[in-house]
Amino acid sequence: MLHQINYINVSLLLFLISMLGIFLNQKNILVMLMSLEMMFLTVSFNWISSSIYLDDIVGQIFSLLILTVAAAESSIGLAILVVYYRIRSTISVELMSLTKG
């Protein structure tokens, strides 16, 4: 059985991988969105493991709230990308500065 420090280490490793995914791949917006979702999942994983360790349900409820907001954010972001792709026929990050308004 994993102890609390192992959960924190796994969470930190996944968070750092997602940070690298955002900073090293700045050309593909879909990979950036997936890395952002992975960040939300690792934070939720950290809340859940802490709530299990402390025998408190508040962390699990807060994790559900985080996942709900992350799902809404990703669906709105993907809808914006679909509209942008229909207009420009590309989803390049370099051309995203053209969508001011």
PDB file of N, CA and C in Angstrom:
ATOM      1  N   MET A   1       0.840  -1.181   0.000  1.00  0.00           N
ATOM      2  CA  MET A   1       0.000   0.000   0.000  1.00  0.00           C
ATOM      3  C   MET A   1       0.885   1.245   0.000  1.00  0.00           C
ATOM      4  N   LEU A   2       0.522   2.198  -0.836  1.00  0.00           N
ATOM      5  CA  LEU A   2       1.310   3.419  -0.935  1.00  0.00           C
ATOM      6  C   LEU A   2       1.038   4.339   0.247  1.00  0.00           C
ATOM      7  N   HIS A   3       2.071   5.021   0.687  1.00  0.00           N
ATOM      8  CA  HIS A   3       1.934   5.966   1.778  1.00  0.00           C
ATOM      9  C   HIS A   3       1.717   7.356   1.200  1.00  0.00           C
ATOM     10  N   GLN A   4       1.450   8.306   2.052  1.00  0.00           N
ATOM     11  CA  GLN A   4       1.124   9.664   1.616  1.00  0.00           C
ATOM     12  C   GLN A   4       2.271  10.300   0.828  1.00  0.00           C
ATOM     13  N   ILE A   5       3.494  10.076   1.228  1.00  0.00           N
ATOM     14  CA  ILE A   5       4.626  10.687   0.523  1.00  0.00           C
ATOM     15  C   ILE A   5       4.748  10.140  -0.887  1.00  0.00           C
ATOM     16  N   ASN A   6       4.383   8.877  -1.092  1.00  0.00           N
ATOM     17  CA  ASN A   6       4.417   8.309  -2.440  1.00  0.00           C
ATOM     18  C   ASN A   6       3.335   8.921  -3.318  1.00  0.00           C
ATOM     19  N   TYR A   7       2.163   9.181  -2.759  1.00  0.00           N
ATOM     20  CA  TYR A   7       1.110   9.854  -3.519  1.00  0.00           C
ATOM     21  C   TYR A   7       1.546  11.253  -3.927  1.00  0.00           C
ATOM     22  N   ILE A   8       2.195  11.953  -3.013  1.00  0.00           N
ATOM     23  CA  ILE A   8       2.656  13.300  -3.324  1.00  0.00           C
ATOM     24  C   ILE A   8       3.745  13.260  -4.393  1.00  0.00           C
ATOM     25  N   ASN A   9       4.634  12.272  -4.332  1.00  0.00           N
ATOM     26  CA  ASN A   9       5.680  12.150  -5.350  1.00  0.00           C
ATOM     27  C   ASN A   9       5.093  11.857  -6.725  1.00  0.00           C
ATOM     28  N   VAL A  10       4.107  10.975  -6.796  1.00  0.00           N
ATOM     29  CA  VAL A  10       3.457  10.668  -8.079  1.00  0.00           C
ATOM     30  C   VAL A  10       2.752  11.904  -8.613  1.00  0.00           C
ATOM     31  N   SER A  11       2.064  12.618  -7.735  1.00  0.00           N
ATOM     32  CA  SER A  11       1.366  13.826  -8.141  1.00  0.00           C
ATOM     33  C   SER A  11       2.342  14.892  -8.639  1.00  0.00           C
ATOM     34  N   LEU A  12       3.444  15.057  -7.949  1.00  0.00           N
ATOM     35  CA  LEU A  12       4.454  16.035  -8.369  1.00  0.00           C
ATOM     36  C   LEU A  12       5.070  15.655  -9.707  1.00  0.00           C
ATOM     37  N   LEU A  13       5.348  14.377  -9.905  1.00  0.00           N
ATOM     38  CA  LEU A  13       5.909  13.927 -11.173  1.00  0.00           C
ATOM     39  C   LEU A  13       4.952  14.171 -12.331  1.00  0.00           C
ATOM     40  N   LEU A  14       3.676  13.856 -12.149  1.00  0.00           N
ATOM     41  CA  LEU A  14       2.689  14.091 -13.207  1.00  0.00           C
ATOM     42  C   LEU A  14       2.505  15.580 -13.475  1.00  0.00           C
ATOM     43  N   PHE A  15       2.548  16.395 -12.429  1.00  0.00           N
ATOM     44  CA  PHE A  15       2.420  17.840 -12.610  1.00  0.00           C
ATOM     45  C   PHE A  15       3.604  18.396 -13.395  1.00  0.00           C
ATOM     46  N   LEU A  16       4.808  17.925 -13.093  1.00  0.00           N
ATOM     47  CA  LEU A  16       5.990  18.397 -13.821  1.00  0.00           C
ATOM     48  C   LEU A  16       5.974  17.943 -15.278  1.00  0.00           C
ATOM     49  N   ILE A  17       5.480  16.739 -15.533  1.00  0.00           N
ATOM     50  CA  ILE A  17       5.357  16.267 -16.914  1.00  0.00           C
ATOM     51  C   ILE A  17       4.387  17.149 -17.697  1.00  0.00           C
ATOM     52  N   SER A  18       3.290  17.529 -17.060  1.00  0.00           N
ATOM     53  CA  SER A  18       2.332  18.388 -17.749  1.00  0.00           C
ATOM     54  C   SER A  18       2.885  19.798 -17.946  1.00  0.00           C
ATOM     55  N   MET A  19       3.691  20.282 -17.006  1.00  0.00           N
ATOM     56  CA  MET A  19       4.340  21.580 -17.204  1.00  0.00           C
ATOM     57  C   MET A  19       5.304  21.533 -18.383  1.00  0.00           C
ATOM     58  N   LEU A  20       6.050  20.439 -18.491  1.00  0.00           N
ATOM     59  CA  LEU A  20       6.944  20.283 -19.642  1.00  0.00           C
ATOM     60  C   LEU A  20       6.147  20.199 -20.939  1.00  0.00           C
ATOM     61  N   GLY A  21       4.987  19.554 -20.894  1.00  0.00           N
ATOM     62  CA  GLY A  21       4.144  19.472 -22.077  1.00  0.00           C
ATOM     63  C   GLY A  21       3.673  20.830 -22.546  1.00  0.00           C
ATOM     64  N   ILE A  22       3.433  21.726 -21.611  1.00  0.00           N
ATOM     65  CA  ILE A  22       2.999  23.070 -22.000  1.00  0.00           C
ATOM     66  C   ILE A  22       4.172  23.896 -22.516  1.00  0.00           C
ATOM     67  N   PHE A  23       5.296  23.859 -21.818  1.00  0.00           N
ATOM     68  CA  PHE A  23       6.400  24.740 -22.180  1.00  0.00           C
ATOM     69  C   PHE A  23       7.219  24.241 -23.368  1.00  0.00           C
ATOM     70  N   LEU A  24       7.341  22.942 -23.543  1.00  0.00           N
ATOM     71  CA  LEU A  24       8.140  22.438 -24.651  1.00  0.00           C
ATOM     72  C   LEU A  24       7.366  22.364 -25.965  1.00  0.00           C
ATOM     73  N   ASN A  25       6.052  22.235 -25.889  1.00  0.00           N
ATOM     74  CA  ASN A  25       5.245  22.145 -27.096  1.00  0.00           C
ATOM     75  C   ASN A  25       4.316  23.346 -27.151  1.00  0.00           C
ATOM     76  N   GLN A  26       4.800  24.443 -27.677  1.00  0.00           N
ATOM     77  CA  GLN A  26       3.995  25.650 -27.744  1.00  0.00           C
ATOM     78  C   GLN A  26       3.415  25.883 -29.134  1.00  0.00           C
ATOM     79  N   LYS A  27       3.484  24.890 -30.011  1.00  0.00           N
ATOM     80  CA  LYS A  27       2.940  25.052 -31.350  1.00  0.00           C
ATOM     81  C   LYS A  27       1.580  24.399 -31.513  1.00  0.00           C
ATOM     82  N   ASN A  28       1.305  23.353 -30.774  1.00  0.00           N
ATOM     83  CA  ASN A  28       0.052  22.630 -30.915  1.00  0.00           C
ATOM     84  C   ASN A  28      -0.850  22.943 -29.731  1.00  0.00           C
ATOM     85  N   ILE A  29      -1.967  23.576 -30.014  1.00  0.00           N
ATOM     86  CA  ILE A  29      -2.869  24.008 -28.948  1.00  0.00           C
ATOM     87  C   ILE A  29      -3.573  22.831 -28.292  1.00  0.00           C
ATOM     88  N   LEU A  30      -3.790  21.740 -29.017  1.00  0.00           N
ATOM     89  CA  LEU A  30      -4.454  20.580 -28.440  1.00  0.00           C
ATOM     90  C   LEU A  30      -3.585  19.903 -27.384  1.00  0.00           C
ATOM     91  N   VAL A  31      -2.295  19.814 -27.634  1.00  0.00           N
ATOM     92  CA  VAL A  31      -1.383  19.236 -26.639  1.00  0.00           C
ATOM     93  C   VAL A  31      -1.304  20.146 -25.420  1.00  0.00           C
ATOM     94  N   MET A  32      -1.366  21.444 -25.631  1.00  0.00           N
ATOM     95  CA  MET A  32      -1.360  22.369 -24.505  1.00  0.00           C
ATOM     96  C   MET A  32      -2.621  22.211 -23.662  1.00  0.00           C
ATOM     97  N   LEU A  33      -3.766  22.023 -24.301  1.00  0.00           N
ATOM     98  CA  LEU A  33      -5.006  21.806 -23.555  1.00  0.00           C
ATOM     99  C   LEU A  33      -4.991  20.478 -22.804  1.00  0.00           C
ATOM    100  N   MET A  34      -4.432  19.453 -23.423  1.00  0.00           N
ATOM    101  CA  MET A  34      -4.342  18.165 -22.734  1.00  0.00           C
ATOM    102  C   MET A  34      -3.396  18.253 -21.534  1.00  0.00           C
ATOM    103  N   SER A  35      -2.320  19.010 -21.665  1.00  0.00           N
ATOM    104  CA  SER A  35      -1.404  19.187 -20.539  1.00  0.00           C
ATOM    105  C   SER A  35      -2.068  19.969 -19.413  1.00  0.00           C
ATOM    106  N   LEU A  36      -2.889  20.936 -19.772  1.00  0.00           N
ATOM    107  CA  LEU A  36      -3.617  21.686 -18.768  1.00  0.00           C
ATOM    108  C   LEU A  36      -4.623  20.795 -18.037  1.00  0.00           C
ATOM    109  N   GLU A  37      -5.291  19.928 -18.769  1.00  0.00           N
ATOM    110  CA  GLU A  37      -6.211  18.983 -18.139  1.00  0.00           C
ATOM    111  C   GLU A  37      -5.456  17.998 -17.238  1.00  0.00           C
ATOM    112  N   MET A  38      -4.264  17.620 -17.648  1.00  0.00           N
ATOM    113  CA  MET A  38      -3.465  16.729 -16.813  1.00  0.00           C
ATOM    114  C   MET A  38      -3.051  17.429 -15.515  1.00  0.00           C
ATOM    115  N   MET A  39      -2.801  18.732 -15.583  1.00  0.00           N
ATOM    116  CA  MET A  39      -2.515  19.490 -14.368  1.00  0.00           C
ATOM    117  C   MET A  39      -3.703  19.456 -13.416  1.00  0.00           C
ATOM    118  N   PHE A  40      -4.894  19.677 -13.958  1.00  0.00           N
ATOM    119  CA  PHE A  40      -6.091  19.626 -13.118  1.00  0.00           C
ATOM    120  C   PHE A  40      -6.269  18.242 -12.501  1.00  0.00           C
ATOM    121  N   LEU A  41      -5.986  17.207 -13.270  1.00  0.00           N
ATOM    122  CA  LEU A  41      -6.136  15.851 -12.744  1.00  0.00           C
ATOM    123  C   LEU A  41      -5.123  15.550 -11.644  1.00  0.00           C
ATOM    124  N   THR A  42      -3.906  16.042 -11.786  1.00  0.00           N
ATOM    125  CA  THR A  42      -2.918  15.784 -10.738  1.00  0.00           C
ATOM    126  C   THR A  42      -3.245  16.542  -9.461  1.00  0.00           C
ATOM    127  N   VAL A  43      -3.771  17.750  -9.592  1.00  0.00           N
ATOM    128  CA  VAL A  43      -4.189  18.487  -8.400  1.00  0.00           C
ATOM    129  C   VAL A  43      -5.354  17.760  -7.728  1.00  0.00           C
ATOM    130  N   SER A  44      -6.275  17.253  -8.528  1.00  0.00           N
ATOM    131  CA  SER A  44      -7.398  16.493  -7.971  1.00  0.00           C
ATOM    132  C   SER A  44      -6.916  15.207  -7.303  1.00  0.00           C
ATOM    133  N   PHE A  45      -5.946  14.556  -7.924  1.00  0.00           N
ATOM    134  CA  PHE A  45      -5.372  13.351  -7.336  1.00  0.00           C
ATOM    135  C   PHE A  45      -4.726  13.655  -5.992  1.00  0.00           C
ATOM    136  N   ASN A  46      -4.064  14.799  -5.907  1.00  0.00           N
ATOM    137  CA  ASN A  46      -3.428  15.213  -4.659  1.00  0.00           C
ATOM    138  C   ASN A  46      -4.482  15.492  -3.584  1.00  0.00           C
ATOM    139  N   TRP A  47      -5.577  16.162  -3.949  1.00  0.00           N
ATOM    140  CA  TRP A  47      -6.651  16.415  -2.996  1.00  0.00           C
ATOM    141  C   TRP A  47      -7.269  15.111  -2.507  1.00  0.00           C
ATOM    142  N   ILE A  48      -7.502  14.164  -3.424  1.00  0.00           N
ATOM    143  CA  ILE A  48      -8.127  12.899  -3.041  1.00  0.00           C
ATOM    144  C   ILE A  48      -7.209  12.093  -2.131  1.00  0.00           C
ATOM    145  N   SER A  49      -5.933  12.012  -2.464  1.00  0.00           N
ATOM    146  CA  SER A  49      -5.017  11.245  -1.617  1.00  0.00           C
ATOM    147  C   SER A  49      -4.869  11.885  -0.232  1.00  0.00           C
ATOM    148  N   SER A  50      -4.880  13.207  -0.185  1.00  0.00           N
ATOM    149  CA  SER A  50      -4.802  13.875   1.117  1.00  0.00           C
ATOM    150  C   SER A  50      -6.068  13.651   1.930  1.00  0.00           C
ATOM    151  N   SER A  51      -7.210  13.654   1.267  1.00  0.00           N
ATOM    152  CA  SER A  51      -8.450  13.440   2.012  1.00  0.00           C
ATOM    153  C   SER A  51      -8.555  12.007   2.515  1.00  0.00           C
ATOM    154  N   ILE A  52      -8.032  11.056   1.766  1.00  0.00           N
ATOM    155  CA  ILE A  52      -8.016   9.670   2.245  1.00  0.00           C
ATOM    156  C   ILE A  52      -7.067   9.538   3.425  1.00  0.00           C
ATOM    157  N   TYR A  53      -5.914  10.171   3.329  1.00  0.00           N
ATOM    158  CA  TYR A  53      -4.927  10.087   4.408  1.00  0.00           C
ATOM    159  C   TYR A  53      -5.448  10.741   5.684  1.00  0.00           C
ATOM    160  N   LEU A  54      -6.148  11.869   5.545  1.00  0.00           N
ATOM    161  CA  LEU A  54      -6.649  12.597   6.711  1.00  0.00           C
ATOM    162  C   LEU A  54      -8.033  12.119   7.156  1.00  0.00           C
ATOM    163  N   ASP A  55      -8.620  11.196   6.415  1.00  0.00           N
ATOM    164  CA  ASP A  55      -9.942  10.654   6.707  1.00  0.00           C
ATOM    165  C   ASP A  55     -10.993  11.765   6.763  1.00  0.00           C
ATOM    166  N   ASP A  56     -10.981  12.592   5.709  1.00  0.00           N
ATOM    167  CA  ASP A  56     -11.904  13.716   5.608  1.00  0.00           C
ATOM    168  C   ASP A  56     -12.471  13.735   4.190  1.00  0.00           C
ATOM    169  N   ILE A  57     -13.750  14.041   4.050  1.00  0.00           N
ATOM    170  CA  ILE A  57     -14.393  13.987   2.736  1.00  0.00           C
ATOM    171  C   ILE A  57     -14.314  15.314   1.980  1.00  0.00           C
ATOM    172  N   VAL A  58     -13.859  16.363   2.633  1.00  0.00           N
ATOM    173  CA  VAL A  58     -13.840  17.686   2.015  1.00  0.00           C
ATOM    174  C   VAL A  58     -12.931  17.709   0.785  1.00  0.00           C
ATOM    175  N   GLY A  59     -11.795  17.044   0.841  1.00  0.00           N
ATOM    176  CA  GLY A  59     -10.883  17.001  -0.299  1.00  0.00           C
ATOM    177  C   GLY A  59     -11.487  16.305  -1.499  1.00  0.00           C
ATOM    178  N   GLN A  60     -12.273  15.275  -1.266  1.00  0.00           N
ATOM    179  CA  GLN A  60     -12.914  14.566  -2.375  1.00  0.00           C
ATOM    180  C   GLN A  60     -14.010  15.413  -3.003  1.00  0.00           C
ATOM    181  N   ILE A  61     -14.754  16.138  -2.194  1.00  0.00           N
ATOM    182  CA  ILE A  61     -15.787  17.034  -2.729  1.00  0.00           C
ATOM    183  C   ILE A  61     -15.140  18.163  -3.523  1.00  0.00           C
ATOM    184  N   PHE A  62     -14.063  18.727  -3.002  1.00  0.00           N
ATOM    185  CA  PHE A  62     -13.355  19.788  -3.709  1.00  0.00           C
ATOM    186  C   PHE A  62     -12.768  19.270  -5.017  1.00  0.00           C
ATOM    187  N   SER A  63     -12.311  18.033  -5.022  1.00  0.00           N
ATOM    188  CA  SER A  63     -11.786  17.433  -6.237  1.00  0.00           C
ATOM    189  C   SER A  63     -12.880  17.285  -7.294  1.00  0.00           C
ATOM    190  N   LEU A  64     -14.072  16.898  -6.877  1.00  0.00           N
ATOM    191  CA  LEU A  64     -15.190  16.817  -7.821  1.00  0.00           C
ATOM    192  C   LEU A  64     -15.534  18.179  -8.404  1.00  0.00           C
ATOM    193  N   LEU A  65     -15.449  19.219  -7.589  1.00  0.00           N
ATOM    194  CA  LEU A  65     -15.701  20.570  -8.097  1.00  0.00           C
ATOM    195  C   LEU A  65     -14.629  20.983  -9.110  1.00  0.00           C
ATOM    196  N   ILE A  66     -13.378  20.649  -8.830  1.00  0.00           N
ATOM    197  CA  ILE A  66     -12.293  20.965  -9.763  1.00  0.00           C
ATOM    198  C   ILE A  66     -12.503  20.244 -11.089  1.00  0.00           C
ATOM    199  N   LEU A  67     -12.863  18.971 -11.036  1.00  0.00           N
ATOM    200  CA  LEU A  67     -13.068  18.205 -12.263  1.00  0.00           C
ATOM    201  C   LEU A  67     -14.264  18.711 -13.057  1.00  0.00           C
ATOM    202  N   THR A  68     -15.296  19.190 -12.381  1.00  0.00           N
ATOM    203  CA  THR A  68     -16.449  19.746 -13.078  1.00  0.00           C
ATOM    204  C   THR A  68     -16.077  21.027 -13.818  1.00  0.00           C
ATOM    205  N   VAL A  69     -15.360  21.903 -13.151  1.00  0.00           N
ATOM    206  CA  VAL A  69     -14.928  23.146 -13.796  1.00  0.00           C
ATOM    207  C   VAL A  69     -13.959  22.851 -14.938  1.00  0.00           C
ATOM    208  N   ALA A  70     -13.077  21.871 -14.767  1.00  0.00           N
ATOM    209  CA  ALA A  70     -12.118  21.517 -15.822  1.00  0.00           C
ATOM    210  C   ALA A  70     -12.838  20.949 -17.037  1.00  0.00           C
ATOM    211  N   ALA A  71     -13.883  20.169 -16.822  1.00  0.00           N
ATOM    212  CA  ALA A  71     -14.640  19.626 -17.960  1.00  0.00           C
ATOM    213  C   ALA A  71     -15.356  20.734 -18.716  1.00  0.00           C
ATOM    214  N   ALA A  72     -15.933  21.678 -17.992  1.00  0.00           N
ATOM    215  CA  ALA A  72     -16.599  22.801 -18.656  1.00  0.00           C
ATOM    216  C   ALA A  72     -15.594  23.656 -19.412  1.00  0.00           C
ATOM    217  N   GLU A  73     -14.441  23.875 -18.815  1.00  0.00           N
ATOM    218  CA  GLU A  73     -13.399  24.677 -19.476  1.00  0.00           C
ATOM    219  C   GLU A  73     -12.887  24.013 -20.745  1.00  0.00           C
ATOM    220  N   SER A  74     -12.695  22.709 -20.697  1.00  0.00           N
ATOM    221  CA  SER A  74     -12.182  22.025 -21.886  1.00  0.00           C
ATOM    222  C   SER A  74     -13.229  21.965 -22.990  1.00  0.00           C
ATOM    223  N   SER A  75     -14.492  21.815 -22.641  1.00  0.00           N
ATOM    224  CA  SER A  75     -15.516  21.784 -23.687  1.00  0.00           C
ATOM    225  C   SER A  75     -15.659  23.148 -24.359  1.00  0.00           C
ATOM    226  N   ILE A  76     -15.576  24.222 -23.593  1.00  0.00           N
ATOM    227  CA  ILE A  76     -15.637  25.560 -24.189  1.00  0.00           C
ATOM    228  C   ILE A  76     -14.393  25.825 -25.032  1.00  0.00           C
ATOM    229  N   GLY A  77     -13.227  25.413 -24.542  1.00  0.00           N
ATOM    230  CA  GLY A  77     -11.992  25.597 -25.315  1.00  0.00           C
ATOM    231  C   GLY A  77     -12.010  24.825 -26.621  1.00  0.00           C
ATOM    232  N   LEU A  78     -12.500  23.595 -26.601  1.00  0.00           N
ATOM    233  CA  LEU A  78     -12.581  22.818 -27.841  1.00  0.00           C
ATOM    234  C   LEU A  78     -13.605  23.395 -28.802  1.00  0.00           C
ATOM    235  N   ALA A  79     -14.698  23.949 -28.281  1.00  0.00           N
ATOM    236  CA  ALA A  79     -15.684  24.593 -29.162  1.00  0.00           C
ATOM    237  C   ALA A  79     -15.080  25.820 -29.839  1.00  0.00           C
ATOM    238  N   ILE A  80     -14.309  26.589 -29.105  1.00  0.00           N
ATOM    239  CA  ILE A  80     -13.635  27.754 -29.694  1.00  0.00           C
ATOM    240  C   ILE A  80     -12.635  27.304 -30.752  1.00  0.00           C
ATOM    241  N   LEU A  81     -11.914  26.205 -30.501  1.00  0.00           N
ATOM    242  CA  LEU A  81     -10.958  25.703 -31.487  1.00  0.00           C
ATOM    243  C   LEU A  81     -11.653  25.220 -32.751  1.00  0.00           C
ATOM    244  N   VAL A  82     -12.812  24.596 -32.627  1.00  0.00           N
ATOM    245  CA  VAL A  82     -13.547  24.132 -33.806  1.00  0.00           C
ATOM    246  C   VAL A  82     -13.988  25.317 -34.653  1.00  0.00           C
ATOM    247  N   VAL A  83     -14.491  26.374 -34.011  1.00  0.00           N
ATOM    248  CA  VAL A  83     -14.896  27.571 -34.754  1.00  0.00           C
ATOM    249  C   VAL A  83     -13.690  28.229 -35.409  1.00  0.00           C
ATOM    250  N   TYR A  84     -12.580  28.305 -34.685  1.00  0.00           N
ATOM    251  CA  TYR A  84     -11.361  28.897 -35.237  1.00  0.00           C
ATOM    252  C   TYR A  84     -10.846  28.087 -36.421  1.00  0.00           C
ATOM    253  N   TYR A  85     -10.931  26.748 -36.311  1.00  0.00           N
ATOM    254  CA  TYR A  85     -10.466  25.903 -37.424  1.00  0.00           C
ATOM    255  C   TYR A  85     -11.350  26.081 -38.650  1.00  0.00           C
ATOM    256  N   ARG A  86     -12.644  26.249 -38.461  1.00  0.00           N
ATOM    257  CA  ARG A  86     -13.541  26.461 -39.603  1.00  0.00           C
ATOM    258  C   ARG A  86     -13.249  27.776 -40.312  1.00  0.00           C
ATOM    259  N   ILE A  87     -12.845  28.794 -39.559  1.00  0.00           N
ATOM    260  CA  ILE A  87     -12.560  30.098 -40.156  1.00  0.00           C
ATOM    261  C   ILE A  87     -11.184  30.107 -40.817  1.00  0.00           C
ATOM    262  N   ARG A  88     -10.151  29.644 -40.134  1.00  0.00           N
ATOM    263  CA  ARG A  88      -8.765  29.767 -40.596  1.00  0.00           C
ATOM    264  C   ARG A  88      -8.195  28.517 -41.260  1.00  0.00           C
ATOM    265  N   SER A  89      -8.819  27.366 -41.092  1.00  0.00           N
ATOM    266  CA  SER A  89      -8.349  26.073 -41.608  1.00  0.00           C
ATOM    267  C   SER A  89      -7.027  25.626 -40.989  1.00  0.00           C
ATOM    268  N   THR A  90      -6.686  26.182 -39.851  1.00  0.00           N
ATOM    269  CA  THR A  90      -5.518  25.759 -39.095  1.00  0.00           C
ATOM    270  C   THR A  90      -5.709  26.143 -37.629  1.00  0.00           C
ATOM    271  N   ILE A  91      -5.039  25.425 -36.745  1.00  0.00           N
ATOM    272  CA  ILE A  91      -5.114  25.774 -35.322  1.00  0.00           C
ATOM    273  C   ILE A  91      -3.714  26.050 -34.782  1.00  0.00           C
ATOM    274  N   SER A  92      -2.936  26.750 -35.543  1.00  0.00           N
ATOM    275  CA  SER A  92      -1.573  27.097 -35.150  1.00  0.00           C
ATOM    276  C   SER A  92      -1.599  28.163 -34.060  1.00  0.00           C
ATOM    277  N   VAL A  93      -0.753  28.003 -33.060  1.00  0.00           N
ATOM    278  CA  VAL A  93      -0.712  28.941 -31.940  1.00  0.00           C
ATOM    279  C   VAL A  93      -0.138  30.280 -32.378  1.00  0.00           C
ATOM    280  N   GLU A  94       0.748  30.281 -33.356  1.00  0.00           N
ATOM    281  CA  GLU A  94       1.356  31.536 -33.802  1.00  0.00           C
ATOM    282  C   GLU A  94       0.338  32.477 -34.403  1.00  0.00           C
ATOM    283  N   LEU A  95      -0.731  31.951 -34.994  1.00  0.00           N
ATOM    284  CA  LEU A  95      -1.736  32.786 -35.624  1.00  0.00           C
ATOM    285  C   LEU A  95      -2.893  33.146 -34.689  1.00  0.00           C
ATOM    286  N   MET A  96      -2.819  32.750 -33.438  1.00  0.00           N
ATOM    287  CA  MET A  96      -3.900  33.016 -32.497  1.00  0.00           C
ATOM    288  C   MET A  96      -3.993  34.494 -32.142  1.00  0.00           C
ATOM    289  N   SER A  97      -2.962  35.274 -32.391  1.00  0.00           N
ATOM    290  CA  SER A  97      -3.019  36.704 -32.081  1.00  0.00           C
ATOM    291  C   SER A  97      -3.950  37.448 -33.030  1.00  0.00           C
ATOM    292  N   LEU A  98      -4.395  36.791 -34.100  1.00  0.00           N
ATOM    293  CA  LEU A  98      -5.311  37.413 -35.035  1.00  0.00           C
ATOM    294  C   LEU A  98      -6.738  37.431 -34.513  1.00  0.00           C
ATOM    295  N   THR A  99      -7.012  36.750 -33.419  1.00  0.00           N
ATOM    296  CA  THR A  99      -8.373  36.658 -32.897  1.00  0.00           C
ATOM    297  C   THR A  99      -8.599  37.641 -31.759  1.00  0.00           C
ATOM    298  N   LYS A 100      -8.239  38.866 -31.951  1.00  0.00           N
ATOM    299  CA  LYS A 100      -8.475  39.889 -30.937  1.00  0.00           C
ATOM    300  C   LYS A 100      -9.850  40.505 -31.171  1.00  0.00           C
ATOM    301  N   GLY A 101     -10.475  40.894 -30.076  1.00  0.00           N
ATOM    302  CA  GLY A 101     -11.768  41.548 -30.262  1.00  0.00           C
ATOM    303  C   GLY A 101     -12.677  41.420 -29.116  1.00  0.00           C
TER     304      GLY A 101
END
